[in-house]
Amino acid sequence: MTLKHQIQNHYSGLIDSLTSIDTPSWLSGLGARVSLVMCVAMFGILYLFQTGDTAAAGYQIHDLERQSTDLVDEIKNLEVTVADYSSLVYIKKRVPELNMVAVAQVKHLTPVGAVVALR
């Protein structure tokens, strides 16, 4: 017996055994088929809603990441601006504009004793 005949015999035996199975009428009837189609349709619709929600959440996450990156860049720019405004050159330039007078002589005070404050 050739391999082809062996496969055909096994296949025909499988088909015969599957067709000889008696299923209950409630399982092979119209109601079962309709119920199965409705379940598949319901799960398909639920899958589509879940996929849509996931995609929307992905877009929101992307927008928030972009906003976060923009805010980090803005913070860096503001830190540079603060450093520029805090520089001694900028402060000396603004002294006349703020009606301030440059100090001619600085006097330092030294404490009399070693203790500055007591509890």
PDB file of N, CA and C in Angstrom:
ATOM      1  N   MET A   1       0.842  -1.177   0.000  1.00  0.00           N
ATOM      2  CA  MET A   1       0.000   0.000   0.000  1.00  0.00           C
ATOM      3  C   MET A   1       0.888   1.242   0.000  1.00  0.00           C
ATOM      4  N   THR A   2       0.576   2.161  -0.881  1.00  0.00           N
ATOM      5  CA  THR A   2       1.396   3.355  -1.002  1.00  0.00           C
ATOM      6  C   THR A   2       0.997   4.378   0.057  1.00  0.00           C
ATOM      7  N   LEU A   3       1.852   5.329   0.194  1.00  0.00           N
ATOM      8  CA  LEU A   3       1.612   6.392   1.169  1.00  0.00           C
ATOM      9  C   LEU A   3       0.341   7.164   0.838  1.00  0.00           C
ATOM     10  N   LYS A   4       0.096   7.376  -0.433  1.00  0.00           N
ATOM     11  CA  LYS A   4      -1.103   8.100  -0.862  1.00  0.00           C
ATOM     12  C   LYS A   4      -2.360   7.345  -0.433  1.00  0.00           C
ATOM     13  N   HIS A   5      -2.377   6.036  -0.602  1.00  0.00           N
ATOM     14  CA  HIS A   5      -3.543   5.243  -0.223  1.00  0.00           C
ATOM     15  C   HIS A   5      -3.724   5.225   1.300  1.00  0.00           C
ATOM     16  N   GLN A   6      -2.608   5.205   2.026  1.00  0.00           N
ATOM     17  CA  GLN A   6      -2.698   5.215   3.490  1.00  0.00           C
ATOM     18  C   GLN A   6      -3.323   6.526   3.986  1.00  0.00           C
ATOM     19  N   ILE A   7      -2.886   7.629   3.393  1.00  0.00           N
ATOM     20  CA  ILE A   7      -3.426   8.936   3.794  1.00  0.00           C
ATOM     21  C   ILE A   7      -4.903   9.022   3.430  1.00  0.00           C
ATOM     22  N   GLN A   8      -5.287   8.521   2.250  1.00  0.00           N
ATOM     23  CA  GLN A   8      -6.696   8.556   1.843  1.00  0.00           C
ATOM     24  C   GLN A   8      -7.551   7.698   2.773  1.00  0.00           C
ATOM     25  N   ASN A   9      -7.044   6.552   3.182  1.00  0.00           N
ATOM     26  CA  ASN A   9      -7.791   5.684   4.100  1.00  0.00           C
ATOM     27  C   ASN A   9      -7.975   6.352   5.460  1.00  0.00           C
ATOM     28  N   HIS A  10      -6.904   6.960   5.990  1.00  0.00           N
ATOM     29  CA  HIS A  10      -7.011   7.645   7.282  1.00  0.00           C
ATOM     30  C   HIS A  10      -7.964   8.834   7.182  1.00  0.00           C
ATOM     31  N   TYR A  11      -7.870   9.566   6.087  1.00  0.00           N
ATOM     32  CA  TYR A  11      -8.729  10.727   5.899  1.00  0.00           C
ATOM     33  C   TYR A  11     -10.190  10.315   5.777  1.00  0.00           C
ATOM     34  N   SER A  12     -10.449   9.282   4.995  1.00  0.00           N
ATOM     35  CA  SER A  12     -11.842   8.837   4.840  1.00  0.00           C
ATOM     36  C   SER A  12     -12.366   8.261   6.159  1.00  0.00           C
ATOM     37  N   GLY A  13     -11.489   7.623   6.949  1.00  0.00           N
ATOM     38  CA  GLY A  13     -11.897   7.136   8.260  1.00  0.00           C
ATOM     39  C   GLY A  13     -12.232   8.287   9.199  1.00  0.00           C
ATOM     40  N   LEU A  14     -11.472   9.337   9.130  1.00  0.00           N
ATOM     41  CA  LEU A  14     -11.739  10.524   9.967  1.00  0.00           C
ATOM     42  C   LEU A  14     -13.066  11.152   9.568  1.00  0.00           C
ATOM     43  N   ILE A  15     -13.307  11.289   8.295  1.00  0.00           N
ATOM     44  CA  ILE A  15     -14.553  11.882   7.808  1.00  0.00           C
ATOM     45  C   ILE A  15     -15.742  11.012   8.229  1.00  0.00           C
ATOM     46  N   ASP A  16     -15.604   9.702   8.092  1.00  0.00           N
ATOM     47  CA  ASP A  16     -16.686   8.806   8.493  1.00  0.00           C
ATOM     48  C   ASP A  16     -16.978   8.919   9.988  1.00  0.00           C
ATOM     49  N   SER A  17     -15.921   9.003  10.800  1.00  0.00           N
ATOM     50  CA  SER A  17     -16.136   9.084  12.246  1.00  0.00           C
ATOM     51  C   SER A  17     -16.762  10.420  12.637  1.00  0.00           C
ATOM     52  N   LEU A  18     -16.389  11.495  11.949  1.00  0.00           N
ATOM     53  CA  LEU A  18     -16.969  12.807  12.261  1.00  0.00           C
ATOM     54  C   LEU A  18     -18.433  12.883  11.834  1.00  0.00           C
ATOM     55  N   THR A  19     -18.767  12.298  10.719  1.00  0.00           N
ATOM     56  CA  THR A  19     -20.161  12.352  10.254  1.00  0.00           C
ATOM     57  C   THR A  19     -21.060  11.400  11.027  1.00  0.00           C
ATOM     58  N   SER A  20     -20.469  10.417  11.662  1.00  0.00           N
ATOM     59  CA  SER A  20     -21.297   9.464  12.410  1.00  0.00           C
ATOM     60  C   SER A  20     -21.634   9.948  13.814  1.00  0.00           C
ATOM     61  N   ILE A  21     -21.038  11.072  14.257  1.00  0.00           N
ATOM     62  CA  ILE A  21     -21.327  11.608  15.590  1.00  0.00           C
ATOM     63  C   ILE A  21     -22.716  12.238  15.570  1.00  0.00           C
ATOM     64  N   ASP A  22     -23.552  11.787  16.480  1.00  0.00           N
ATOM     65  CA  ASP A  22     -24.889  12.367  16.594  1.00  0.00           C
ATOM     66  C   ASP A  22     -24.848  13.482  17.631  1.00  0.00           C
ATOM     67  N   THR A  23     -25.120  14.700  17.171  1.00  0.00           N
ATOM     68  CA  THR A  23     -25.163  15.835  18.099  1.00  0.00           C
ATOM     69  C   THR A  23     -26.607  16.091  18.473  1.00  0.00           C
ATOM     70  N   PRO A  24     -26.815  16.588  19.673  1.00  0.00           N
ATOM     71  CA  PRO A  24     -28.194  16.902  20.074  1.00  0.00           C
ATOM     72  C   PRO A  24     -28.790  17.976  19.169  1.00  0.00           C
ATOM     73  N   SER A  25     -30.084  17.980  19.070  1.00  0.00           N
ATOM     74  CA  SER A  25     -30.748  18.936  18.174  1.00  0.00           C
ATOM     75  C   SER A  25     -30.571  20.375  18.628  1.00  0.00           C
ATOM     76  N   TRP A  26     -30.449  20.615  19.928  1.00  0.00           N
ATOM     77  CA  TRP A  26     -30.267  21.989  20.409  1.00  0.00           C
ATOM     78  C   TRP A  26     -28.895  22.530  20.027  1.00  0.00           C
ATOM     79  N   LEU A  27     -27.920  21.607  19.804  1.00  0.00           N
ATOM     80  CA  LEU A  27     -26.571  22.039  19.448  1.00  0.00           C
ATOM     81  C   LEU A  27     -26.421  22.255  17.947  1.00  0.00           C
ATOM     82  N   SER A  28     -27.154  21.490  17.158  1.00  0.00           N
ATOM     83  CA  SER A  28     -27.015  21.623  15.704  1.00  0.00           C
ATOM     84  C   SER A  28     -28.187  22.359  15.068  1.00  0.00           C
ATOM     85  N   GLY A  29     -29.082  22.892  15.861  1.00  0.00           N
ATOM     86  CA  GLY A  29     -30.255  23.559  15.326  1.00  0.00           C
ATOM     87  C   GLY A  29     -29.990  25.007  14.945  1.00  0.00           C
ATOM     88  N   LEU A  30     -31.045  25.629  14.455  1.00  0.00           N
ATOM     89  CA  LEU A  30     -30.971  27.022  14.008  1.00  0.00           C
ATOM     90  C   LEU A  30     -30.678  27.963  15.174  1.00  0.00           C
ATOM     91  N   GLY A  31     -31.243  27.687  16.339  1.00  0.00           N
ATOM     92  CA  GLY A  31     -31.024  28.551  17.512  1.00  0.00           C
ATOM     93  C   GLY A  31     -29.565  28.587  17.922  1.00  0.00           C
ATOM     94  N   ALA A  32     -28.898  27.450  17.864  1.00  0.00           N
ATOM     95  CA  ALA A  32     -27.478  27.409  18.230  1.00  0.00           C
ATOM     96  C   ALA A  32     -26.641  28.198  17.233  1.00  0.00           C
ATOM     97  N   ARG A  33     -26.970  28.073  15.970  1.00  0.00           N
ATOM     98  CA  ARG A  33     -26.220  28.811  14.947  1.00  0.00           C
ATOM     99  C   ARG A  33     -26.412  30.314  15.087  1.00  0.00           C
ATOM    100  N   VAL A  34     -27.648  30.723  15.331  1.00  0.00           N
ATOM    101  CA  VAL A  34     -27.933  32.152  15.511  1.00  0.00           C
ATOM    102  C   VAL A  34     -27.212  32.668  16.751  1.00  0.00           C
ATOM    103  N   SER A  35     -27.252  31.885  17.831  1.00  0.00           N
ATOM    104  CA  SER A  35     -26.569  32.291  19.059  1.00  0.00           C
ATOM    105  C   SER A  35     -25.074  32.418  18.835  1.00  0.00           C
ATOM    106  N   LEU A  36     -24.496  31.480  18.100  1.00  0.00           N
ATOM    107  CA  LEU A  36     -23.066  31.528  17.816  1.00  0.00           C
ATOM    108  C   LEU A  36     -22.712  32.759  16.985  1.00  0.00           C
ATOM    109  N   VAL A  37     -23.516  33.042  15.973  1.00  0.00           N
ATOM    110  CA  VAL A  37     -23.262  34.229  15.135  1.00  0.00           C
ATOM    111  C   VAL A  37     -23.398  35.502  15.970  1.00  0.00           C
ATOM    112  N   MET A  38     -24.388  35.566  16.850  1.00  0.00           N
ATOM    113  CA  MET A  38     -24.565  36.756  17.689  1.00  0.00           C
ATOM    114  C   MET A  38     -23.389  36.927  18.649  1.00  0.00           C
ATOM    115  N   CYS A  39     -22.900  35.836  19.218  1.00  0.00           N
ATOM    116  CA  CYS A  39     -21.738  35.921  20.123  1.00  0.00           C
ATOM    117  C   CYS A  39     -20.509  36.419  19.378  1.00  0.00           C
ATOM    118  N   VAL A  40     -20.283  35.886  18.173  1.00  0.00           N
ATOM    119  CA  VAL A  40     -19.134  36.324  17.382  1.00  0.00           C
ATOM    120  C   VAL A  40     -19.268  37.805  17.036  1.00  0.00           C
ATOM    121  N   ALA A  41     -20.462  38.246  16.651  1.00  0.00           N
ATOM    122  CA  ALA A  41     -20.679  39.653  16.318  1.00  0.00           C
ATOM    123  C   ALA A  41     -20.479  40.532  17.549  1.00  0.00           C
ATOM    124  N   MET A  42     -20.987  40.091  18.712  1.00  0.00           N
ATOM    125  CA  MET A  42     -20.838  40.890  19.926  1.00  0.00           C
ATOM    126  C   MET A  42     -19.368  41.029  20.308  1.00  0.00           C
ATOM    127  N   PHE A  43     -18.622  39.913  20.263  1.00  0.00           N
ATOM    128  CA  PHE A  43     -17.206  39.990  20.602  1.00  0.00           C
ATOM    129  C   PHE A  43     -16.422  40.817  19.584  1.00  0.00           C
ATOM    130  N   GLY A  44     -16.843  40.776  18.326  1.00  0.00           N
ATOM    131  CA  GLY A  44     -16.200  41.618  17.309  1.00  0.00           C
ATOM    132  C   GLY A  44     -16.416  43.089  17.579  1.00  0.00           C
ATOM    133  N   ILE A  45     -17.638  43.453  17.944  1.00  0.00           N
ATOM    134  CA  ILE A  45     -17.941  44.857  18.249  1.00  0.00           C
ATOM    135  C   ILE A  45     -17.176  45.307  19.498  1.00  0.00           C
ATOM    136  N   LEU A  46     -17.151  44.456  20.517  1.00  0.00           N
ATOM    137  CA  LEU A  46     -16.388  44.790  21.726  1.00  0.00           C
ATOM    138  C   LEU A  46     -14.904  44.962  21.421  1.00  0.00           C
ATOM    139  N   TYR A  47     -14.377  44.116  20.532  1.00  0.00           N
ATOM    140  CA  TYR A  47     -12.970  44.234  20.132  1.00  0.00           C
ATOM    141  C   TYR A  47     -12.721  45.570  19.431  1.00  0.00           C
ATOM    142  N   LEU A  48     -13.642  45.973  18.558  1.00  0.00           N
ATOM    143  CA  LEU A  48     -13.478  47.251  17.858  1.00  0.00           C
ATOM    144  C   LEU A  48     -13.513  48.427  18.828  1.00  0.00           C
ATOM    145  N   PHE A  49     -14.437  48.396  19.800  1.00  0.00           N
ATOM    146  CA  PHE A  49     -14.482  49.471  20.796  1.00  0.00           C
ATOM    147  C   PHE A  49     -13.195  49.523  21.612  1.00  0.00           C
ATOM    148  N   GLN A  50     -12.706  48.359  22.021  1.00  0.00           N
ATOM    149  CA  GLN A  50     -11.481  48.317  22.821  1.00  0.00           C
ATOM    150  C   GLN A  50     -10.294  48.835  22.013  1.00  0.00           C
ATOM    151  N   THR A  51     -10.225  48.465  20.750  1.00  0.00           N
ATOM    152  CA  THR A  51      -9.139  48.938  19.890  1.00  0.00           C
ATOM    153  C   THR A  51      -9.212  50.455  19.711  1.00  0.00           C
ATOM    154  N   GLY A  52     -10.414  50.976  19.540  1.00  0.00           N
ATOM    155  CA  GLY A  52     -10.583  52.426  19.399  1.00  0.00           C
ATOM    156  C   GLY A  52     -10.173  53.162  20.665  1.00  0.00           C
ATOM    157  N   ASP A  53     -10.562  52.626  21.824  1.00  0.00           N
ATOM    158  CA  ASP A  53     -10.172  53.262  23.083  1.00  0.00           C
ATOM    159  C   ASP A  53      -8.659  53.235  23.267  1.00  0.00           C
ATOM    160  N   THR A  54      -8.040  52.120  22.902  1.00  0.00           N
ATOM    161  CA  THR A  54      -6.586  52.011  23.030  1.00  0.00           C
ATOM    162  C   THR A  54      -5.889  53.005  22.104  1.00  0.00           C
ATOM    163  N   ALA A  55      -6.391  53.150  20.891  1.00  0.00           N
ATOM    164  CA  ALA A  55      -5.792  54.107  19.948  1.00  0.00           C
ATOM    165  C   ALA A  55      -5.950  55.531  20.463  1.00  0.00           C
ATOM    166  N   ALA A  56      -7.119  55.852  21.000  1.00  0.00           N
ATOM    167  CA  ALA A  56      -7.337  57.201  21.542  1.00  0.00           C
ATOM    168  C   ALA A  56      -6.400  57.461  22.718  1.00  0.00           C
ATOM    169  N   ALA A  57      -6.230  56.467  23.580  1.00  0.00           N
ATOM    170  CA  ALA A  57      -5.313  56.630  24.714  1.00  0.00           C
ATOM    171  C   ALA A  57      -3.883  56.811  24.216  1.00  0.00           C
ATOM    172  N   GLY A  58      -3.519  56.116  23.153  1.00  0.00           N
ATOM    173  CA  GLY A  58      -2.174  56.281  22.577  1.00  0.00           C
ATOM    174  C   GLY A  58      -1.946  57.693  22.074  1.00  0.00           C
ATOM    175  N   TYR A  59      -2.957  58.279  21.421  1.00  0.00           N
ATOM    176  CA  TYR A  59      -2.828  59.658  20.944  1.00  0.00           C
ATOM    177  C   TYR A  59      -2.713  60.630  22.129  1.00  0.00           C
ATOM    178  N   GLN A  60      -3.475  60.393  23.177  1.00  0.00           N
ATOM    179  CA  GLN A  60      -3.397  61.259  24.352  1.00  0.00           C
ATOM    180  C   GLN A  60      -2.026  61.163  24.996  1.00  0.00           C
ATOM    181  N   ILE A  61      -1.494  59.959  25.098  1.00  0.00           N
ATOM    182  CA  ILE A  61      -0.157  59.779  25.684  1.00  0.00           C
ATOM    183  C   ILE A  61       0.878  60.500  24.828  1.00  0.00           C
ATOM    184  N   HIS A  62       0.758  60.377  23.511  1.00  0.00           N
ATOM    185  CA  HIS A  62       1.703  61.055  22.620  1.00  0.00           C
ATOM    186  C   HIS A  62       1.632  62.575  22.802  1.00  0.00           C
ATOM    187  N   ASP A  63       0.426  63.119  22.896  1.00  0.00           N
ATOM    188  CA  ASP A  63       0.277  64.561  23.110  1.00  0.00           C
ATOM    189  C   ASP A  63       0.879  64.988  24.439  1.00  0.00           C
ATOM    190  N   LEU A  64       0.653  64.206  25.488  1.00  0.00           N
ATOM    191  CA  LEU A  64       1.209  64.551  26.799  1.00  0.00           C
ATOM    192  C   LEU A  64       2.729  64.464  26.799  1.00  0.00           C
ATOM    193  N   GLU A  65       3.298  63.492  26.097  1.00  0.00           N
ATOM    194  CA  GLU A  65       4.751  63.408  26.000  1.00  0.00           C
ATOM    195  C   GLU A  65       5.310  64.614  25.261  1.00  0.00           C
ATOM    196  N   ARG A  66       4.617  65.037  24.208  1.00  0.00           N
ATOM    197  CA  ARG A  66       5.072  66.218  23.454  1.00  0.00           C
ATOM    198  C   ARG A  66       4.989  67.465  24.326  1.00  0.00           C
ATOM    199  N   GLN A  67       3.892  67.608  25.082  1.00  0.00           N
ATOM    200  CA  GLN A  67       3.770  68.747  25.990  1.00  0.00           C
ATOM    201  C   GLN A  67       4.862  68.723  27.048  1.00  0.00           C
ATOM    202  N   SER A  68       5.178  67.542  27.537  1.00  0.00           N
ATOM    203  CA  SER A  68       6.232  67.410  28.541  1.00  0.00           C
ATOM    204  C   SER A  68       7.577  67.846  27.964  1.00  0.00           C
ATOM    205  N   THR A  69       7.858  67.426  26.742  1.00  0.00           N
ATOM    206  CA  THR A  69       9.105  67.829  26.088  1.00  0.00           C
ATOM    207  C   THR A  69       9.135  69.336  25.877  1.00  0.00           C
ATOM    208  N   ASP A  70       8.025  69.912  25.459  1.00  0.00           N
ATOM    209  CA  ASP A  70       7.959  71.360  25.271  1.00  0.00           C
ATOM    210  C   ASP A  70       8.186  72.102  26.588  1.00  0.00           C
ATOM    211  N   LEU A  71       7.603  71.600  27.669  1.00  0.00           N
ATOM    212  CA  LEU A  71       7.780  72.246  28.966  1.00  0.00           C
ATOM    213  C   LEU A  71       9.218  72.131  29.466  1.00  0.00           C
ATOM    214  N   VAL A  72       9.861  71.007  29.202  1.00  0.00           N
ATOM    215  CA  VAL A  72      11.269  70.855  29.596  1.00  0.00           C
ATOM    216  C   VAL A  72      12.121  71.862  28.833  1.00  0.00           C
ATOM    217  N   ASP A  73      11.844  72.025  27.538  1.00  0.00           N
ATOM    218  CA  ASP A  73      12.582  73.020  26.750  1.00  0.00           C
ATOM    219  C   ASP A  73      12.328  74.432  27.271  1.00  0.00           C
ATOM    220  N   GLU A  74      11.092  74.733  27.619  1.00  0.00           N
ATOM    221  CA  GLU A  74      10.770  76.058  28.154  1.00  0.00           C
ATOM    222  C   GLU A  74      11.472  76.299  29.488  1.00  0.00           C
ATOM    223  N   ILE A  75      11.533  75.289  30.329  1.00  0.00           N
ATOM    224  CA  ILE A  75      12.223  75.424  31.618  1.00  0.00           C
ATOM    225  C   ILE A  75      13.699  75.707  31.391  1.00  0.00           C
ATOM    226  N   LYS A  76      14.310  75.014  30.437  1.00  0.00           N
ATOM    227  CA  LYS A  76      15.730  75.255  30.138  1.00  0.00           C
ATOM    228  C   LYS A  76      15.937  76.686  29.656  1.00  0.00           C
ATOM    229  N   ASN A  77      15.040  77.158  28.788  1.00  0.00           N
ATOM    230  CA  ASN A  77      15.165  78.542  28.301  1.00  0.00           C
ATOM    231  C   ASN A  77      14.993  79.544  29.437  1.00  0.00           C
ATOM    232  N   LEU A  78      14.059  79.281  30.345  1.00  0.00           N
ATOM    233  CA  LEU A  78      13.856  80.182  31.477  1.00  0.00           C
ATOM    234  C   LEU A  78      15.050  80.164  32.429  1.00  0.00           C
ATOM    235  N   GLU A  79      15.679  79.000  32.589  1.00  0.00           N
ATOM    236  CA  GLU A  79      16.874  78.934  33.433  1.00  0.00           C
ATOM    237  C   GLU A  79      18.009  79.758  32.833  1.00  0.00           C
ATOM    238  N   VAL A  80      18.126  79.728  31.514  1.00  0.00           N
ATOM    239  CA  VAL A  80      19.144  80.552  30.847  1.00  0.00           C
ATOM    240  C   VAL A  80      18.828  82.029  31.035  1.00  0.00           C
ATOM    241  N   THR A  81      17.553  82.393  30.918  1.00  0.00           N
ATOM    242  CA  THR A  81      17.146  83.789  31.108  1.00  0.00           C
ATOM    243  C   THR A  81      17.423  84.247  32.535  1.00  0.00           C
ATOM    244  N   VAL A  82      17.111  83.406  33.512  1.00  0.00           N
ATOM    245  CA  VAL A  82      17.377  83.747  34.918  1.00  0.00           C
ATOM    246  C   VAL A  82      18.880  83.910  35.140  1.00  0.00           C
ATOM    247  N   ALA A  83      19.667  83.032  34.543  1.00  0.00           N
ATOM    248  CA  ALA A  83      21.126  83.153  34.690  1.00  0.00           C
ATOM    249  C   ALA A  83      21.624  84.450  34.071  1.00  0.00           C
ATOM    250  N   ASP A  84      21.053  84.828  32.910  1.00  0.00           N
ATOM    251  CA  ASP A  84      21.449  86.094  32.280  1.00  0.00           C
ATOM    252  C   ASP A  84      21.083  87.284  33.163  1.00  0.00           C
ATOM    253  N   TYR A  85      19.872  87.291  33.708  1.00  0.00           N
ATOM    254  CA  TYR A  85      19.430  88.402  34.550  1.00  0.00           C
ATOM    255  C   TYR A  85      20.153  88.439  35.888  1.00  0.00           C
ATOM    256  N   SER A  86      20.692  87.330  36.319  1.00  0.00           N
ATOM    257  CA  SER A  86      21.402  87.289  37.595  1.00  0.00           C
ATOM    258  C   SER A  86      22.884  87.618  37.451  1.00  0.00           C
ATOM    259  N   SER A  87      23.344  87.764  36.240  1.00  0.00           N
ATOM    260  CA  SER A  87      24.769  88.040  36.046  1.00  0.00           C
ATOM    261  C   SER A  87      25.112  89.450  36.540  1.00  0.00           C
ATOM    262  N   LEU A  88      26.332  89.590  36.992  1.00  0.00           N
ATOM    263  CA  LEU A  88      26.793  90.866  37.551  1.00  0.00           C
ATOM    264  C   LEU A  88      26.797  91.969  36.485  1.00  0.00           C
ATOM    265  N   VAL A  89      27.106  91.619  35.260  1.00  0.00           N
ATOM    266  CA  VAL A  89      27.118  92.605  34.175  1.00  0.00           C
ATOM    267  C   VAL A  89      25.719  93.176  33.974  1.00  0.00           C
ATOM    268  N   TYR A  90      24.703  92.356  33.965  1.00  0.00           N
ATOM    269  CA  TYR A  90      23.334  92.819  33.765  1.00  0.00           C
ATOM    270  C   TYR A  90      22.875  93.663  34.948  1.00  0.00           C
ATOM    271  N   ILE A  91      23.228  93.232  36.147  1.00  0.00           N
ATOM    272  CA  ILE A  91      22.816  93.988  37.338  1.00  0.00           C
ATOM    273  C   ILE A  91      23.478  95.366  37.345  1.00  0.00           C
ATOM    274  N   LYS A  92      24.775  95.446  37.011  1.00  0.00           N
ATOM    275  CA  LYS A  92      25.462  96.749  36.961  1.00  0.00           C
ATOM    276  C   LYS A  92      24.857  97.648  35.888  1.00  0.00           C
ATOM    277  N   LYS A  93      24.400  97.061  34.788  1.00  0.00           N
ATOM    278  CA  LYS A  93      23.804  97.855  33.722  1.00  0.00           C
ATOM    279  C   LYS A  93      22.448  98.412  34.160  1.00  0.00           C
ATOM    280  N   ARG A  94      21.718  97.696  35.002  1.00  0.00           N
ATOM    281  CA  ARG A  94      20.378  98.102  35.414  1.00  0.00           C
ATOM    282  C   ARG A  94      20.370  99.028  36.632  1.00  0.00           C
ATOM    283  N   VAL A  95      21.482  99.232  37.288  1.00  0.00           N
ATOM    284  CA  VAL A  95      21.515 100.075  38.491  1.00  0.00           C
ATOM    285  C   VAL A  95      20.961 101.473  38.226  1.00  0.00           C
ATOM    286  N   PRO A  96      21.393 102.199  37.201  1.00  0.00           N
ATOM    287  CA  PRO A  96      20.829 103.539  36.972  1.00  0.00           C
ATOM    288  C   PRO A  96      19.343 103.502  36.597  1.00  0.00           C
ATOM    289  N   GLU A  97      18.910 102.480  35.880  1.00  0.00           N
ATOM    290  CA  GLU A  97      17.508 102.392  35.483  1.00  0.00           C
ATOM    291  C   GLU A  97      16.595 102.209  36.685  1.00  0.00           C
ATOM    292  N   LEU A  98      17.075 101.585  37.729  1.00  0.00           N
ATOM    293  CA  LEU A  98      16.276 101.327  38.924  1.00  0.00           C
ATOM    294  C   LEU A  98      16.449 102.412  39.987  1.00  0.00           C
ATOM    295  N   ASN A  99      17.091 103.530  39.627  1.00  0.00           N
ATOM    296  CA  ASN A  99      17.357 104.643  40.539  1.00  0.00           C
ATOM    297  C   ASN A  99      18.130 104.182  41.770  1.00  0.00           C
ATOM    298  N   MET A 100      19.131 103.372  41.551  1.00  0.00           N
ATOM    299  CA  MET A 100      19.988 102.912  42.631  1.00  0.00           C
ATOM    300  C   MET A 100      21.335 103.583  42.483  1.00  0.00           C
ATOM    301  N   VAL A 101      22.074 103.557  43.562  1.00  0.00           N
ATOM    302  CA  VAL A 101      23.391 104.186  43.573  1.00  0.00           C
ATOM    303  C   VAL A 101      24.418 103.100  43.857  1.00  0.00           C
ATOM    304  N   ALA A 102      25.504 103.140  43.143  1.00  0.00           N
ATOM    305  CA  ALA A 102      26.569 102.173  43.375  1.00  0.00           C
ATOM    306  C   ALA A 102      27.246 102.482  44.709  1.00  0.00           C
ATOM    307  N   VAL A 103      27.644 101.459  45.414  1.00  0.00           N
ATOM    308  CA  VAL A 103      28.294 101.614  46.720  1.00  0.00           C
ATOM    309  C   VAL A 103      29.753 101.948  46.493  1.00  0.00           C
ATOM    310  N   ALA A 104      30.202 103.013  47.172  1.00  0.00           N
ATOM    311  CA  ALA A 104      31.590 103.444  47.010  1.00  0.00           C
ATOM    312  C   ALA A 104      32.518 102.653  47.928  1.00  0.00           C
ATOM    313  N   GLN A 105      32.091 102.497  49.188  1.00  0.00           N
ATOM    314  CA  GLN A 105      32.951 101.813  50.139  1.00  0.00           C
ATOM    315  C   GLN A 105      32.087 100.823  50.936  1.00  0.00           C
ATOM    316  N   VAL A 106      32.578  99.614  51.089  1.00  0.00           N
ATOM    317  CA  VAL A 106      31.851  98.580  51.808  1.00  0.00           C
ATOM    318  C   VAL A 106      32.497  98.409  53.172  1.00  0.00           C
ATOM    319  N   LYS A 107      31.672  98.471  54.221  1.00  0.00           N
ATOM    320  CA  LYS A 107      32.181  98.262  55.580  1.00  0.00           C
ATOM    321  C   LYS A 107      31.637  96.930  56.091  1.00  0.00           C
ATOM    322  N   HIS A 108      32.526  96.143  56.629  1.00  0.00           N
ATOM    323  CA  HIS A 108      32.148  94.858  57.194  1.00  0.00           C
ATOM    324  C   HIS A 108      32.136  94.954  58.703  1.00  0.00           C
ATOM    325  N   LEU A 109      31.145  94.347  59.308  1.00  0.00           N
ATOM    326  CA  LEU A 109      31.052  94.334  60.769  1.00  0.00           C
ATOM    327  C   LEU A 109      31.581  93.003  61.273  1.00  0.00           C
ATOM    328  N   THR A 110      32.324  93.077  62.360  1.00  0.00           N
ATOM    329  CA  THR A 110      32.812  91.846  62.981  1.00  0.00           C
ATOM    330  C   THR A 110      32.139  91.706  64.333  1.00  0.00           C
ATOM    331  N   PRO A 111      31.713  90.519  64.698  1.00  0.00           N
ATOM    332  CA  PRO A 111      31.062  90.336  65.998  1.00  0.00           C
ATOM    333  C   PRO A 111      32.065  90.503  67.129  1.00  0.00           C
ATOM    334  N   VAL A 112      31.560  90.957  68.259  1.00  0.00           N
ATOM    335  CA  VAL A 112      32.427  91.190  69.414  1.00  0.00           C
ATOM    336  C   VAL A 112      32.870  89.858  70.014  1.00  0.00           C
ATOM    337  N   GLY A 113      31.954  88.980  70.224  1.00  0.00           N
ATOM    338  CA  GLY A 113      32.301  87.690  70.800  1.00  0.00           C
ATOM    339  C   GLY A 113      32.236  86.611  69.727  1.00  0.00           C
ATOM    340  N   ALA A 114      32.526  85.405  70.149  1.00  0.00           N
ATOM    341  CA  ALA A 114      32.503  84.293  69.212  1.00  0.00           C
ATOM    342  C   ALA A 114      31.084  83.832  68.961  1.00  0.00           C
ATOM    343  N   VAL A 115      30.187  84.089  69.904  1.00  0.00           N
ATOM    344  CA  VAL A 115      28.796  83.648  69.771  1.00  0.00           C
ATOM    345  C   VAL A 115      27.977  84.758  69.157  1.00  0.00           C
ATOM    346  N   VAL A 116      27.233  84.426  68.099  1.00  0.00           N
ATOM    347  CA  VAL A 116      26.421  85.419  67.436  1.00  0.00           C
ATOM    348  C   VAL A 116      25.017  85.419  67.988  1.00  0.00           C
ATOM    349  N   ALA A 117      24.448  84.228  68.214  1.00  0.00           N
ATOM    350  CA  ALA A 117      23.079  84.134  68.700  1.00  0.00           C
ATOM    351  C   ALA A 117      23.009  83.056  69.781  1.00  0.00           C
ATOM    352  N   LEU A 118      22.191  83.294  70.776  1.00  0.00           N
ATOM    353  CA  LEU A 118      21.987  82.336  71.854  1.00  0.00           C
ATOM    354  C   LEU A 118      20.570  81.818  71.797  1.00  0.00           C
ATOM    355  N   ARG A 119      20.406  80.609  72.265  1.00  0.00           N
ATOM    356  CA  ARG A 119      19.070  80.031  72.349  1.00  0.00           C
ATOM    357  C   ARG A 119      18.474  80.278  73.686  1.00  0.00           C
TER     358      ARG A 119
END
